[in-house]
Amino acid sequence: MLRSKLLWAIILGIATSVLLIEAKIHLGYNPWETRIQGALVWPGTHLVTALNTDGTLFQGWTKFWVGLSFACNLLVYAFVWLVCLWILGAMFHRQQPYDGGDNTFVPPITR
């Protein structure tokens, strides 16, 4: 089950990151849309801002910094989706605790 959750978390993290890039390209300069989009890409932009200071080795490499920002957002959102899927799985498992076949209250019937 862990592999399945991890796979879905990676897929949903990629989808979220791609949707953020598409929103950046296609949305206008509405203040609300810019504010929402800025909050969603916050992890990657702060990492790049912290690393890309004056005098760094990769100072002029904008494609590298865009890729690093995308990768950071991808990892953050994959982790967020993994936690959400883990919480949902725990909630669904707790609804029906005796469906697993491990009923400890009644001994198994042997014939």
N, C-alpha and C. Protein backbone atom coordinates (compact mmCIF):
# COMPACT_ATOMS: atom_id res chain seq x y z
N MET A 1 0.82 -1.20 0.00
CA MET A 1 0.00 0.00 0.00
C MET A 1 0.86 1.26 0.00
N LEU A 2 2.06 1.17 0.65
CA LEU A 2 2.92 2.35 0.69
C LEU A 2 3.40 2.73 -0.71
N ARG A 3 3.71 1.74 -1.52
CA ARG A 3 4.16 2.05 -2.88
C ARG A 3 3.06 2.74 -3.67
N SER A 4 1.85 2.30 -3.48
CA SER A 4 0.73 2.90 -4.20
C SER A 4 0.54 4.36 -3.76
N LYS A 5 0.60 4.62 -2.46
CA LYS A 5 0.46 5.99 -1.98
C LYS A 5 1.60 6.85 -2.47
N LEU A 6 2.81 6.32 -2.45
CA LEU A 6 3.96 7.07 -2.91
C LEU A 6 3.86 7.36 -4.40
N LEU A 7 3.42 6.40 -5.18
CA LEU A 7 3.24 6.61 -6.61
C LEU A 7 2.21 7.69 -6.88
N TRP A 8 1.06 7.62 -6.20
CA TRP A 8 0.03 8.63 -6.40
C TRP A 8 0.49 10.00 -5.90
N ALA A 9 1.27 10.04 -4.84
CA ALA A 9 1.79 11.32 -4.35
C ALA A 9 2.73 11.95 -5.37
N ILE A 10 3.57 11.14 -6.00
CA ILE A 10 4.48 11.67 -7.02
C ILE A 10 3.69 12.16 -8.22
N ILE A 11 2.69 11.39 -8.65
CA ILE A 11 1.88 11.79 -9.80
C ILE A 11 1.12 13.08 -9.49
N LEU A 12 0.51 13.17 -8.32
CA LEU A 12 -0.22 14.39 -7.96
C LEU A 12 0.71 15.57 -7.73
N GLY A 13 1.93 15.32 -7.23
CA GLY A 13 2.91 16.40 -7.09
C GLY A 13 3.34 16.94 -8.43
N ILE A 14 3.55 16.06 -9.41
CA ILE A 14 3.90 16.50 -10.76
C ILE A 14 2.75 17.29 -11.37
N ALA A 15 1.52 16.79 -11.20
CA ALA A 15 0.36 17.50 -11.74
C ALA A 15 0.20 18.88 -11.11
N THR A 16 0.42 18.97 -9.81
CA THR A 16 0.31 20.26 -9.14
C THR A 16 1.38 21.23 -9.64
N SER A 17 2.60 20.74 -9.81
CA SER A 17 3.68 21.61 -10.29
C SER A 17 3.44 22.07 -11.72
N VAL A 18 2.95 21.17 -12.56
CA VAL A 18 2.64 21.54 -13.95
C VAL A 18 1.50 22.55 -14.00
N LEU A 19 0.49 22.35 -13.17
CA LEU A 19 -0.61 23.32 -13.12
C LEU A 19 -0.14 24.68 -12.63
N LEU A 20 0.81 24.72 -11.72
CA LEU A 20 1.36 26.00 -11.28
C LEU A 20 2.09 26.71 -12.41
N ILE A 21 2.83 25.95 -13.21
CA ILE A 21 3.53 26.55 -14.36
C ILE A 21 2.51 27.06 -15.38
N GLU A 22 1.49 26.28 -15.66
CA GLU A 22 0.46 26.71 -16.60
C GLU A 22 -0.29 27.94 -16.07
N ALA A 23 -0.54 27.99 -14.78
CA ALA A 23 -1.21 29.16 -14.21
C ALA A 23 -0.33 30.39 -14.34
N LYS A 24 0.97 30.21 -14.19
CA LYS A 24 1.89 31.33 -14.33
C LYS A 24 1.90 31.86 -15.76
N ILE A 25 1.76 30.96 -16.72
CA ILE A 25 1.80 31.34 -18.13
C ILE A 25 0.48 31.98 -18.57
N HIS A 26 -0.65 31.36 -18.20
CA HIS A 26 -1.94 31.75 -18.79
C HIS A 26 -2.76 32.74 -17.97
N LEU A 27 -2.51 32.85 -16.69
CA LEU A 27 -3.32 33.79 -15.91
C LEU A 27 -2.86 35.22 -16.15
N GLY A 28 -3.79 36.11 -16.06
CA GLY A 28 -3.46 37.52 -16.24
C GLY A 28 -2.82 38.08 -14.99
N TYR A 29 -2.70 39.38 -14.95
CA TYR A 29 -2.08 40.03 -13.81
C TYR A 29 -3.13 40.57 -12.85
N ASN A 30 -4.09 39.74 -12.54
CA ASN A 30 -5.09 40.06 -11.54
C ASN A 30 -4.42 39.99 -10.17
N PRO A 31 -4.64 40.94 -9.29
CA PRO A 31 -3.96 40.89 -7.98
C PRO A 31 -4.26 39.63 -7.18
N TRP A 32 -5.49 39.13 -7.23
CA TRP A 32 -5.81 37.92 -6.47
C TRP A 32 -5.12 36.70 -7.05
N GLU A 33 -5.12 36.59 -8.37
CA GLU A 33 -4.47 35.44 -9.01
C GLU A 33 -2.96 35.47 -8.78
N THR A 34 -2.37 36.64 -8.84
CA THR A 34 -0.94 36.76 -8.60
C THR A 34 -0.61 36.42 -7.16
N ARG A 35 -1.44 36.82 -6.23
CA ARG A 35 -1.21 36.54 -4.82
C ARG A 35 -1.34 35.05 -4.53
N ILE A 36 -2.34 34.40 -5.11
CA ILE A 36 -2.54 32.97 -4.89
C ILE A 36 -1.40 32.18 -5.51
N GLN A 37 -1.04 32.53 -6.73
CA GLN A 37 0.03 31.82 -7.41
C GLN A 37 1.37 32.05 -6.70
N GLY A 38 1.58 33.24 -6.18
CA GLY A 38 2.80 33.52 -5.43
C GLY A 38 2.90 32.71 -4.15
N ALA A 39 1.76 32.49 -3.50
CA ALA A 39 1.76 31.69 -2.28
C ALA A 39 2.01 30.22 -2.58
N LEU A 40 1.56 29.74 -3.73
CA LEU A 40 1.72 28.32 -4.05
C LEU A 40 3.14 27.98 -4.50
N VAL A 41 3.85 28.92 -5.10
CA VAL A 41 5.22 28.65 -5.52
C VAL A 41 6.24 29.15 -4.50
N TRP A 42 5.78 29.44 -3.30
CA TRP A 42 6.62 29.97 -2.25
C TRP A 42 7.83 29.10 -1.91
N PRO A 43 7.72 27.77 -1.77
CA PRO A 43 8.90 26.98 -1.36
C PRO A 43 10.05 27.07 -2.35
N GLY A 44 9.76 26.94 -3.62
CA GLY A 44 10.82 26.98 -4.62
C GLY A 44 11.46 28.34 -4.77
N THR A 45 10.64 29.38 -4.72
CA THR A 45 11.21 30.72 -4.89
C THR A 45 12.07 31.12 -3.71
N HIS A 46 11.69 30.73 -2.51
CA HIS A 46 12.52 31.08 -1.35
C HIS A 46 13.83 30.30 -1.33
N LEU A 47 13.81 29.05 -1.79
CA LEU A 47 15.06 28.30 -1.88
C LEU A 47 16.00 28.93 -2.90
N VAL A 48 15.46 29.29 -4.05
CA VAL A 48 16.29 29.90 -5.09
C VAL A 48 16.81 31.27 -4.64
N THR A 49 15.97 32.04 -3.97
CA THR A 49 16.40 33.35 -3.49
C THR A 49 17.51 33.21 -2.45
N ALA A 50 17.41 32.19 -1.60
CA ALA A 50 18.44 31.99 -0.58
C ALA A 50 19.76 31.52 -1.20
N LEU A 51 19.69 30.72 -2.25
CA LEU A 51 20.92 30.19 -2.85
C LEU A 51 21.53 31.11 -3.90
N ASN A 52 20.72 31.88 -4.60
CA ASN A 52 21.20 32.72 -5.69
C ASN A 52 21.52 34.12 -5.17
N THR A 53 22.64 34.24 -4.50
CA THR A 53 23.08 35.54 -4.00
C THR A 53 24.21 36.06 -4.88
N ASP A 54 24.63 37.27 -4.64
CA ASP A 54 25.73 37.84 -5.42
C ASP A 54 27.02 37.06 -5.16
N GLY A 55 27.72 36.77 -6.25
CA GLY A 55 28.98 36.07 -6.14
C GLY A 55 28.88 34.55 -6.17
N THR A 56 27.70 34.00 -6.44
CA THR A 56 27.58 32.54 -6.51
C THR A 56 28.08 32.04 -7.86
N LEU A 57 28.36 30.78 -7.91
CA LEU A 57 28.91 30.18 -9.12
C LEU A 57 27.90 30.17 -10.26
N PHE A 58 26.64 29.92 -9.95
CA PHE A 58 25.60 29.81 -10.97
C PHE A 58 24.77 31.07 -11.07
N GLN A 59 25.37 32.23 -10.93
CA GLN A 59 24.60 33.46 -10.84
C GLN A 59 23.83 33.80 -12.12
N GLY A 60 24.36 33.56 -13.28
CA GLY A 60 23.68 33.93 -14.51
C GLY A 60 22.85 32.82 -15.14
N TRP A 61 22.75 31.69 -14.50
CA TRP A 61 22.08 30.53 -15.08
C TRP A 61 20.61 30.53 -14.68
N THR A 62 19.80 31.22 -15.43
CA THR A 62 18.38 31.33 -15.07
C THR A 62 17.65 30.00 -15.26
N LYS A 63 18.01 29.24 -16.29
CA LYS A 63 17.34 27.95 -16.50
C LYS A 63 17.62 26.98 -15.36
N PHE A 64 18.81 27.03 -14.82
CA PHE A 64 19.15 26.18 -13.68
C PHE A 64 18.29 26.55 -12.47
N TRP A 65 18.13 27.84 -12.20
CA TRP A 65 17.37 28.27 -11.04
C TRP A 65 15.88 27.99 -11.22
N VAL A 66 15.38 28.11 -12.44
CA VAL A 66 13.98 27.76 -12.70
C VAL A 66 13.77 26.26 -12.48
N GLY A 67 14.69 25.45 -12.95
CA GLY A 67 14.60 24.01 -12.74
C GLY A 67 14.70 23.62 -11.28
N LEU A 68 15.58 24.30 -10.54
CA LEU A 68 15.70 24.03 -9.12
C LEU A 68 14.43 24.42 -8.37
N SER A 69 13.84 25.54 -8.75
CA SER A 69 12.59 25.97 -8.13
C SER A 69 11.47 24.97 -8.42
N PHE A 70 11.39 24.50 -9.67
CA PHE A 70 10.39 23.51 -10.04
C PHE A 70 10.59 22.21 -9.27
N ALA A 71 11.83 21.76 -9.15
CA ALA A 71 12.12 20.52 -8.43
C ALA A 71 11.77 20.64 -6.95
N CYS A 72 12.07 21.80 -6.36
CA CYS A 72 11.73 22.00 -4.95
C CYS A 72 10.22 21.99 -4.76
N ASN A 73 9.48 22.68 -5.63
CA ASN A 73 8.02 22.67 -5.53
C ASN A 73 7.47 21.26 -5.74
N LEU A 74 8.07 20.52 -6.67
CA LEU A 74 7.63 19.15 -6.92
C LEU A 74 7.80 18.28 -5.68
N LEU A 75 8.94 18.37 -5.02
CA LEU A 75 9.17 17.57 -3.82
C LEU A 75 8.25 17.98 -2.68
N VAL A 76 8.04 19.28 -2.52
CA VAL A 76 7.17 19.75 -1.44
C VAL A 76 5.74 19.28 -1.67
N TYR A 77 5.24 19.44 -2.90
CA TYR A 77 3.85 19.06 -3.15
C TYR A 77 3.67 17.55 -3.20
N ALA A 78 4.69 16.80 -3.59
CA ALA A 78 4.60 15.33 -3.51
C ALA A 78 4.51 14.90 -2.05
N PHE A 79 5.28 15.56 -1.18
CA PHE A 79 5.20 15.25 0.25
C PHE A 79 3.84 15.64 0.82
N VAL A 80 3.31 16.78 0.42
CA VAL A 80 1.99 17.21 0.89
C VAL A 80 0.92 16.20 0.46
N TRP A 81 0.96 15.77 -0.80
CA TRP A 81 -0.01 14.79 -1.28
C TRP A 81 0.16 13.45 -0.57
N LEU A 82 1.41 13.06 -0.26
CA LEU A 82 1.63 11.81 0.45
C LEU A 82 1.01 11.86 1.84
N VAL A 83 1.16 12.98 2.53
CA VAL A 83 0.56 13.13 3.85
C VAL A 83 -0.96 13.11 3.75
N CYS A 84 -1.51 13.80 2.74
CA CYS A 84 -2.97 13.80 2.57
C CYS A 84 -3.50 12.39 2.29
N LEU A 85 -2.82 11.65 1.43
CA LEU A 85 -3.25 10.28 1.13
C LEU A 85 -3.09 9.38 2.34
N TRP A 86 -2.05 9.58 3.14
CA TRP A 86 -1.85 8.79 4.34
C TRP A 86 -2.97 9.05 5.35
N ILE A 87 -3.36 10.32 5.51
CA ILE A 87 -4.44 10.66 6.43
C ILE A 87 -5.76 10.08 5.95
N LEU A 88 -6.04 10.19 4.65
CA LEU A 88 -7.27 9.61 4.11
C LEU A 88 -7.31 8.09 4.27
N GLY A 89 -6.17 7.45 4.02
CA GLY A 89 -6.10 6.01 4.19
C GLY A 89 -6.33 5.60 5.63
N ALA A 90 -5.78 6.36 6.57
CA ALA A 90 -5.99 6.05 7.98
C ALA A 90 -7.45 6.27 8.37
N MET A 91 -8.08 7.30 7.84
CA MET A 91 -9.48 7.56 8.16
C MET A 91 -10.38 6.45 7.61
N PHE A 92 -10.14 6.01 6.38
CA PHE A 92 -10.97 4.95 5.80
C PHE A 92 -10.72 3.63 6.50
N HIS A 93 -9.51 3.39 6.94
CA HIS A 93 -9.20 2.14 7.63
C HIS A 93 -9.85 2.12 9.01
N ARG A 94 -9.96 3.25 9.67
CA ARG A 94 -10.55 3.31 11.00
C ARG A 94 -12.07 3.21 10.95
N GLN A 95 -12.70 3.50 9.82
CA GLN A 95 -14.15 3.40 9.76
C GLN A 95 -14.62 1.96 9.92
N GLN A 96 -13.90 1.03 9.35
CA GLN A 96 -14.29 -0.37 9.38
C GLN A 96 -13.11 -1.19 9.92
N PRO A 97 -12.88 -1.16 11.23
CA PRO A 97 -11.67 -1.81 11.76
C PRO A 97 -11.73 -3.33 11.74
N TYR A 98 -12.91 -3.92 11.62
CA TYR A 98 -13.01 -5.37 11.70
C TYR A 98 -13.14 -6.05 10.34
N ASP A 99 -12.95 -5.31 9.28
CA ASP A 99 -13.04 -5.90 7.94
C ASP A 99 -11.73 -6.53 7.49
N GLY A 100 -10.68 -6.36 8.23
CA GLY A 100 -9.38 -6.86 7.81
C GLY A 100 -9.21 -8.36 7.94
N GLY A 101 -10.13 -9.04 8.62
CA GLY A 101 -10.00 -10.47 8.79
C GLY A 101 -9.28 -10.85 10.07
N ASP A 102 -8.72 -9.88 10.77
CA ASP A 102 -8.03 -10.16 12.03
C ASP A 102 -8.95 -9.81 13.19
N ASN A 103 -9.99 -10.59 13.37
CA ASN A 103 -10.93 -10.35 14.45
C ASN A 103 -10.40 -11.05 15.70
N THR A 104 -9.98 -10.29 16.69
CA THR A 104 -9.37 -10.88 17.87
C THR A 104 -10.38 -11.23 18.94
N PHE A 105 -11.63 -10.78 18.78
CA PHE A 105 -12.62 -11.04 19.80
C PHE A 105 -13.23 -12.45 19.73
N VAL A 106 -13.30 -12.98 18.56
CA VAL A 106 -13.92 -14.30 18.37
C VAL A 106 -12.85 -15.24 17.82
N PRO A 107 -12.67 -16.39 18.46
CA PRO A 107 -11.66 -17.33 17.94
C PRO A 107 -12.13 -17.92 16.61
N PRO A 108 -11.21 -18.30 15.74
CA PRO A 108 -11.61 -18.87 14.45
C PRO A 108 -12.31 -20.21 14.64
N ILE A 109 -13.28 -20.46 13.77
CA ILE A 109 -14.05 -21.70 13.80
C ILE A 109 -13.34 -22.72 12.93
N THR A 110 -12.97 -23.83 13.54
CA THR A 110 -12.31 -24.90 12.76
C THR A 110 -13.26 -26.09 12.70
N ARG A 111 -13.47 -26.67 11.56
CA ARG A 111 -14.36 -27.82 11.39
C ARG A 111 -13.61 -29.00 10.91
